[in-house]
Amino acid sequence: MKKQILSLSMCSAIVLMSSASAQASTVNFYTTGTFGPGCTSIVTLVSSITCNAVGGSLTFNYHNSLAAPDTKILTDANPVAVQYGSFVTNGTANFGGITLTLNVFQTNPSVGSQGLVGPLTGAFAPGSGGLVWGPVNPTSWSIGAIDWTLTTESTIGGIRIDPPTAAGAPGPLSLIEGTVREPALAAVPEPSTFGLFVAGLSALTLAVRRRRDATRA
């Protein structure tokens, strides 16, 4: 009988683990961007916005809502990497005093949005210089049950943007990255699973007691 109790305990543990690992959430989102005053002109396309300054330009590529939204599957409470967009520089320009607002729109499992605001500093020319977007505020936020973060350099609280190449071609993509997680997906078994385990263990315990009493009688 003791062996039966041990077997039930082991099986119940497996069931508990399976119940915990079966949880998952789907997160859908898209992004947009807005430049503040200081651009000689602003060009907005389906999936990008460009700030033109004297002699050069800065383009922010985002995940627009017209295409399929970005999807992340969360299977536990650990952070999952995400990309919010990217920067590309061209020409030679000074972007000091201009701000960029990155907007993150969550459409599932709940609906909400968050704006991330930061100034642009620095100047660039082909092969030299560079820009910084930051400090950016906030760098962590929540929409419903979902927690988000923006990955920044700790020394500047923002993101470095590479200049154009020495040959004058547009600079490499400077990615804007972060994480998404759902703390509620911690490995907690469902209450019903606990109930089945306790009920089964109680039944076996009662059987052991009856058998023991019968033997004594």
Protein backbone atom coordinates (compact mmCIF):
# COMPACT_ATOMS: atom_id res chain seq x y z
CA MET A 1 0.00 0.00 0.00
CA LYS A 2 2.88 2.34 0.76
CA LYS A 3 4.14 1.67 -2.77
CA GLN A 4 0.74 2.69 -4.12
CA ILE A 5 0.89 5.98 -2.21
CA LEU A 6 4.38 6.63 -3.55
CA SER A 7 3.25 5.89 -7.12
CA LEU A 8 0.29 8.24 -6.78
CA SER A 9 2.56 10.98 -5.45
CA MET A 10 4.95 10.60 -8.39
CA CYS A 11 2.12 10.63 -10.94
CA SER A 12 0.57 13.66 -9.28
CA ALA A 13 3.87 15.50 -9.45
CA ILE A 14 4.05 14.83 -13.19
CA VAL A 15 0.48 16.08 -13.61
CA LEU A 16 1.31 19.24 -11.65
CA MET A 17 4.34 19.92 -13.82
CA SER A 18 2.34 19.35 -17.00
CA SER A 19 -0.40 21.67 -15.81
CA ALA A 20 2.12 24.43 -15.07
CA SER A 21 3.94 24.10 -18.40
CA ALA A 22 0.72 24.07 -20.41
CA GLN A 23 0.01 27.74 -19.67
CA ALA A 24 0.69 30.24 -22.48
CA SER A 25 -0.31 33.72 -23.59
CA THR A 26 -0.23 35.37 -27.01
CA VAL A 27 0.86 39.02 -27.11
CA ASN A 28 0.18 41.10 -30.23
CA PHE A 29 1.57 44.62 -30.72
CA TYR A 30 2.64 47.24 -33.24
CA THR A 31 4.63 50.50 -33.05
CA THR A 32 4.71 53.99 -34.53
CA GLY A 33 6.99 57.01 -34.16
CA THR A 34 6.69 60.79 -34.01
CA PHE A 35 9.44 63.40 -34.33
CA GLY A 36 9.18 66.67 -32.42
CA PRO A 37 9.83 70.18 -33.80
CA GLY A 38 13.22 70.88 -35.37
CA CYS A 39 13.01 68.91 -38.61
CA THR A 40 13.03 70.88 -41.86
CA SER A 41 10.46 68.36 -43.07
CA ILE A 42 8.95 65.10 -41.89
CA VAL A 43 8.09 62.30 -44.33
CA THR A 44 5.71 59.63 -43.06
CA LEU A 45 5.30 56.36 -44.99
CA VAL A 46 3.47 53.12 -44.24
CA SER A 47 6.20 51.70 -42.03
CA SER A 48 8.63 54.56 -41.41
CA ILE A 49 8.95 58.21 -40.54
CA THR A 50 11.90 60.42 -41.60
CA CYS A 51 13.15 63.62 -40.04
CA ASN A 52 15.04 65.75 -42.56
CA ALA A 53 17.52 68.25 -41.14
CA VAL A 54 20.05 70.43 -42.95
CA GLY A 55 22.24 68.09 -45.00
CA GLY A 56 20.94 64.77 -43.73
CA SER A 57 18.10 62.64 -42.45
CA LEU A 58 17.17 60.21 -39.70
CA THR A 59 14.61 57.48 -40.43
CA PHE A 60 12.75 55.49 -37.81
CA ASN A 61 11.36 52.19 -39.15
CA TYR A 62 8.44 50.84 -37.13
CA HIS A 63 6.00 47.91 -37.09
CA ASN A 64 2.87 49.41 -38.58
CA SER A 65 -0.71 48.39 -37.84
CA LEU A 66 -1.61 47.81 -41.51
CA ALA A 67 0.52 44.68 -41.67
CA ALA A 68 0.08 41.69 -39.37
CA PRO A 69 0.97 42.73 -35.80
CA ASP A 70 4.06 41.32 -34.18
CA THR A 71 3.23 38.23 -32.14
CA LYS A 72 5.03 36.79 -29.14
CA ILE A 73 4.08 33.54 -27.40
CA LEU A 74 4.75 33.60 -23.66
CA THR A 75 4.97 30.15 -22.09
CA ASP A 76 6.29 31.15 -18.68
CA ALA A 77 7.17 34.25 -16.66
CA ASN A 78 10.59 34.68 -18.28
CA PRO A 79 11.19 37.74 -20.53
CA VAL A 80 10.95 37.27 -24.32
CA ALA A 81 13.00 39.50 -26.65
CA VAL A 82 11.14 41.98 -28.88
CA GLN A 83 12.07 44.61 -31.47
CA TYR A 84 10.23 47.92 -31.60
CA GLY A 85 11.90 49.26 -34.75
CA SER A 86 15.22 50.64 -36.01
CA PHE A 87 17.07 53.84 -36.92
CA VAL A 88 18.93 54.64 -40.16
CA THR A 89 21.04 57.78 -40.76
CA ASN A 90 21.94 59.42 -44.08
CA GLY A 91 24.05 62.41 -45.12
CA THR A 92 25.44 64.84 -42.53
CA ALA A 93 23.29 66.59 -39.95
CA ASN A 94 22.90 67.83 -36.39
CA PHE A 95 19.80 66.60 -34.60
CA GLY A 96 20.31 68.32 -31.26
CA GLY A 97 17.05 69.43 -29.65
CA ILE A 98 14.75 67.15 -31.66
CA THR A 99 12.73 64.54 -29.80
CA LEU A 100 11.37 61.16 -30.85
CA THR A 101 8.33 59.51 -29.34
CA LEU A 102 8.09 55.75 -29.87
CA ASN A 103 4.54 54.49 -29.37
CA VAL A 104 3.91 50.84 -28.44
CA PHE A 105 0.35 49.59 -29.03
CA GLN A 106 -0.70 46.29 -27.45
CA THR A 107 -3.76 44.66 -29.03
CA ASN A 108 -3.81 41.30 -27.20
CA PRO A 109 -4.40 39.93 -24.56
CA SER A 110 -5.62 43.40 -23.54
CA VAL A 111 -5.64 46.73 -25.36
CA GLY A 112 -3.43 49.65 -24.35
CA SER A 113 -0.50 51.82 -25.38
CA GLN A 114 2.62 53.51 -24.05
CA GLY A 115 4.69 56.38 -25.40
CA LEU A 116 8.49 56.36 -24.92
CA VAL A 117 9.93 59.87 -25.19
CA GLY A 118 13.55 60.93 -25.51
CA PRO A 119 15.66 63.71 -27.05
CA LEU A 120 18.06 63.22 -29.95
CA THR A 121 21.58 64.52 -29.33
CA GLY A 122 24.73 64.65 -31.43
CA ALA A 123 25.71 65.17 -35.07
CA PHE A 124 26.90 62.81 -37.76
CA ALA A 125 28.75 62.75 -41.07
CA PRO A 126 29.78 59.82 -43.30
CA GLY A 127 32.00 57.55 -41.25
CA SER A 128 32.09 59.73 -38.15
CA GLY A 129 30.05 60.97 -35.25
CA GLY A 130 26.74 59.55 -34.21
CA LEU A 131 23.51 60.19 -32.41
CA VAL A 132 21.97 59.18 -29.11
CA TRP A 133 18.26 58.76 -28.49
CA GLY A 134 17.97 59.27 -24.79
CA PRO A 135 17.59 59.35 -21.95
CA VAL A 136 14.28 57.66 -22.78
CA ASN A 137 11.37 57.63 -20.38
CA PRO A 138 9.99 55.20 -19.40
CA THR A 139 12.20 52.16 -19.91
CA SER A 140 9.74 49.77 -18.23
CA TRP A 141 5.93 49.80 -18.17
CA SER A 142 2.89 47.54 -17.97
CA ILE A 143 -0.17 47.21 -20.16
CA GLY A 144 -2.75 45.08 -18.41
CA ALA A 145 -1.04 41.91 -17.18
CA ILE A 146 1.90 42.31 -19.59
CA ASP A 147 5.22 43.85 -18.54
CA TRP A 148 7.42 45.58 -21.14
CA THR A 149 10.98 46.94 -21.10
CA LEU A 150 13.19 49.00 -23.41
CA THR A 151 16.83 47.95 -23.59
CA THR A 152 19.16 50.95 -23.20
CA GLU A 153 22.82 51.56 -22.45
CA SER A 154 23.12 52.13 -18.72
CA THR A 155 25.61 55.00 -19.09
CA ILE A 156 23.34 57.10 -21.31
CA GLY A 157 19.87 55.72 -20.59
CA GLY A 158 19.24 55.56 -24.31
CA ILE A 159 20.26 54.05 -27.65
CA ARG A 160 23.28 54.89 -29.80
CA ILE A 161 22.56 55.46 -33.49
CA ASP A 162 25.34 54.69 -35.98
CA PRO A 163 26.36 57.32 -38.58
CA PRO A 164 26.35 56.78 -42.36
CA THR A 165 29.21 54.73 -43.79
CA ALA A 166 32.51 56.33 -44.78
CA ALA A 167 31.47 55.95 -48.41
CA GLY A 168 28.34 57.98 -47.75
CA ALA A 169 25.85 55.12 -47.88
CA PRO A 170 23.05 55.04 -45.26
CA GLY A 171 24.23 53.83 -41.89
CA PRO A 172 23.60 50.32 -40.55
CA LEU A 173 20.34 49.58 -38.77
CA SER A 174 20.41 50.61 -35.13
CA LEU A 175 17.85 48.31 -33.52
CA ILE A 176 15.45 49.31 -30.77
CA GLU A 177 14.99 46.25 -28.59
CA GLY A 178 13.43 45.20 -25.32
CA THR A 179 11.51 42.43 -23.60
CA VAL A 180 7.95 41.37 -22.87
CA ARG A 181 6.74 39.06 -20.11
CA GLU A 182 3.66 38.04 -18.15
CA PRO A 183 4.44 37.53 -14.44
CA ALA A 184 1.18 35.60 -13.96
CA LEU A 185 2.62 32.74 -16.03
CA ALA A 186 4.82 31.63 -13.16
CA ALA A 187 4.66 27.84 -12.75
CA VAL A 188 1.59 27.63 -10.51
CA PRO A 189 -0.57 24.49 -10.97
CA GLU A 190 -4.32 24.86 -11.32
CA PRO A 191 -6.34 24.49 -8.04
CA SER A 192 -8.29 21.59 -9.54
CA THR A 193 -5.06 19.65 -9.96
CA PHE A 194 -4.20 20.13 -6.31
CA GLY A 195 -7.72 18.97 -5.42
CA LEU A 196 -7.36 15.71 -7.34
CA PHE A 197 -4.01 15.02 -5.71
CA VAL A 198 -5.30 15.63 -2.18
CA ALA A 199 -8.45 13.57 -2.79
CA GLY A 200 -6.48 10.60 -4.13
CA LEU A 201 -3.96 10.72 -1.30
CA SER A 202 -6.74 10.93 1.29
CA ALA A 203 -8.49 7.89 -0.20
CA LEU A 204 -5.32 5.81 -0.05
CA THR A 205 -4.60 6.92 3.51
CA LEU A 206 -8.10 5.82 4.56
CA ALA A 207 -7.60 2.45 2.86
CA VAL A 208 -4.33 1.92 4.73
CA ARG A 209 -6.01 2.68 8.06
CA ARG A 210 -8.89 0.25 7.34
CA ARG A 211 -6.49 -2.49 6.36
CA ARG A 212 -4.42 -1.91 9.49
CA ASP A 213 -7.54 -1.99 11.71
CA ALA A 214 -8.75 -5.18 10.03
CA THR A 215 -5.39 -6.84 10.64
CA ARG A 216 -5.44 -5.90 14.32
CA ALA A 217 -8.99 -7.22 14.71
